[in-house]
Amino acid sequence: MLSRTADHLFWMARYMERAENTARMLDVNYQASLLPQSADAAEKGWRGLLGISELTDDYVKHHGAVTPRAVIDYMVSDA
């Protein structure tokens, strides 16, 4: 039983770390998107975030156009 509890705690901590890292990446990219830049440069930032997470193909299949709101919603709830 102790081993099973330790295993569950390990995986819980791993998923929490993963969620924290995803939130941090989304926050940094969102803050950067608030800076004055062209629409093309902003889209590159969001595409880069999807690429880092290896979610580009799946995202494009479900959503098509890359928009900040859609990327955030997708990475928080669908990925």
Protein backbone atom coordinates (compact mmCIF):
# COMPACT_ATOMS: atom_id res chain seq x y z
CA MET A 1 0.00 0.00 0.00
CA LEU A 2 2.85 2.39 0.76
CA SER A 3 4.34 1.74 -2.66
CA ARG A 4 1.02 2.47 -4.37
CA THR A 5 0.62 5.71 -2.42
CA ALA A 6 4.15 6.78 -3.30
CA ASP A 7 3.47 5.99 -6.94
CA HIS A 8 0.29 8.09 -6.92
CA LEU A 9 2.10 10.99 -5.26
CA PHE A 10 4.87 10.80 -7.84
CA TRP A 11 2.44 10.97 -10.76
CA MET A 12 0.38 13.71 -9.12
CA ALA A 13 3.51 15.82 -8.70
CA ARG A 14 4.55 15.14 -12.27
CA TYR A 15 1.18 16.25 -13.66
CA MET A 16 1.20 19.34 -11.43
CA GLU A 17 4.64 20.26 -12.76
CA ARG A 18 3.46 19.75 -16.32
CA ALA A 19 0.41 21.98 -15.73
CA GLU A 20 2.60 24.65 -14.14
CA ASN A 21 5.00 24.63 -17.09
CA THR A 22 2.13 24.87 -19.57
CA ALA A 23 0.62 27.78 -17.66
CA ARG A 24 4.00 29.52 -17.57
CA MET A 25 4.52 29.11 -21.33
CA LEU A 26 1.02 30.41 -22.07
CA ASP A 27 1.50 33.39 -19.74
CA VAL A 28 4.84 34.39 -21.26
CA ASN A 29 3.52 34.08 -24.81
CA TYR A 30 0.37 36.04 -23.93
CA GLN A 31 2.41 38.82 -22.32
CA ALA A 32 4.65 38.94 -25.41
CA SER A 33 1.59 39.13 -27.66
CA LEU A 34 0.54 42.35 -25.91
CA LEU A 35 3.66 44.09 -27.21
CA PRO A 36 3.35 46.07 -30.45
CA GLN A 37 4.05 43.67 -33.32
CA SER A 38 2.64 42.59 -36.65
CA ALA A 39 -0.11 40.00 -36.82
CA ASP A 40 2.30 37.66 -38.62
CA ALA A 41 4.85 37.91 -35.80
CA ALA A 42 2.16 37.27 -33.19
CA GLU A 43 0.96 34.18 -35.07
CA LYS A 44 4.53 32.89 -35.25
CA GLY A 45 4.73 33.13 -31.47
CA TRP A 46 1.58 31.07 -30.99
CA ARG A 47 2.65 28.57 -33.66
CA GLY A 48 6.00 28.27 -31.89
CA LEU A 49 4.24 27.48 -28.63
CA LEU A 50 2.23 24.75 -30.33
CA GLY A 51 5.41 23.43 -31.94
CA ILE A 52 7.27 23.26 -28.63
CA SER A 53 4.40 21.26 -27.19
CA GLU A 54 4.18 19.08 -30.34
CA LEU A 55 0.51 19.97 -30.75
CA THR A 56 0.57 21.81 -34.09
CA ASP A 57 -0.87 19.03 -36.27
CA ASP A 58 -3.66 18.16 -33.84
CA TYR A 59 -4.52 21.84 -33.27
CA VAL A 60 -4.72 22.63 -36.99
CA LYS A 61 -6.88 19.53 -37.56
CA HIS A 62 -9.41 20.70 -34.94
CA HIS A 63 -9.25 24.50 -35.13
CA GLY A 64 -7.58 25.58 -38.37
CA ALA A 65 -6.63 29.23 -37.85
CA VAL A 66 -4.17 30.09 -35.09
CA THR A 67 -5.63 32.68 -32.72
CA PRO A 68 -4.45 33.46 -29.19
CA ARG A 69 -7.78 32.61 -27.56
CA ALA A 70 -8.15 29.33 -29.44
CA VAL A 71 -4.58 28.24 -28.64
CA ILE A 72 -5.02 29.02 -24.94
CA ASP A 73 -8.36 27.20 -24.78
CA TYR A 74 -6.94 24.23 -26.66
CA MET A 75 -3.82 23.88 -24.53
CA VAL A 76 -5.71 24.29 -21.26
CA SER A 77 -8.68 22.06 -21.92
CA ASP A 78 -8.15 19.86 -24.99
CA ALA A 79 -4.48 18.88 -25.06
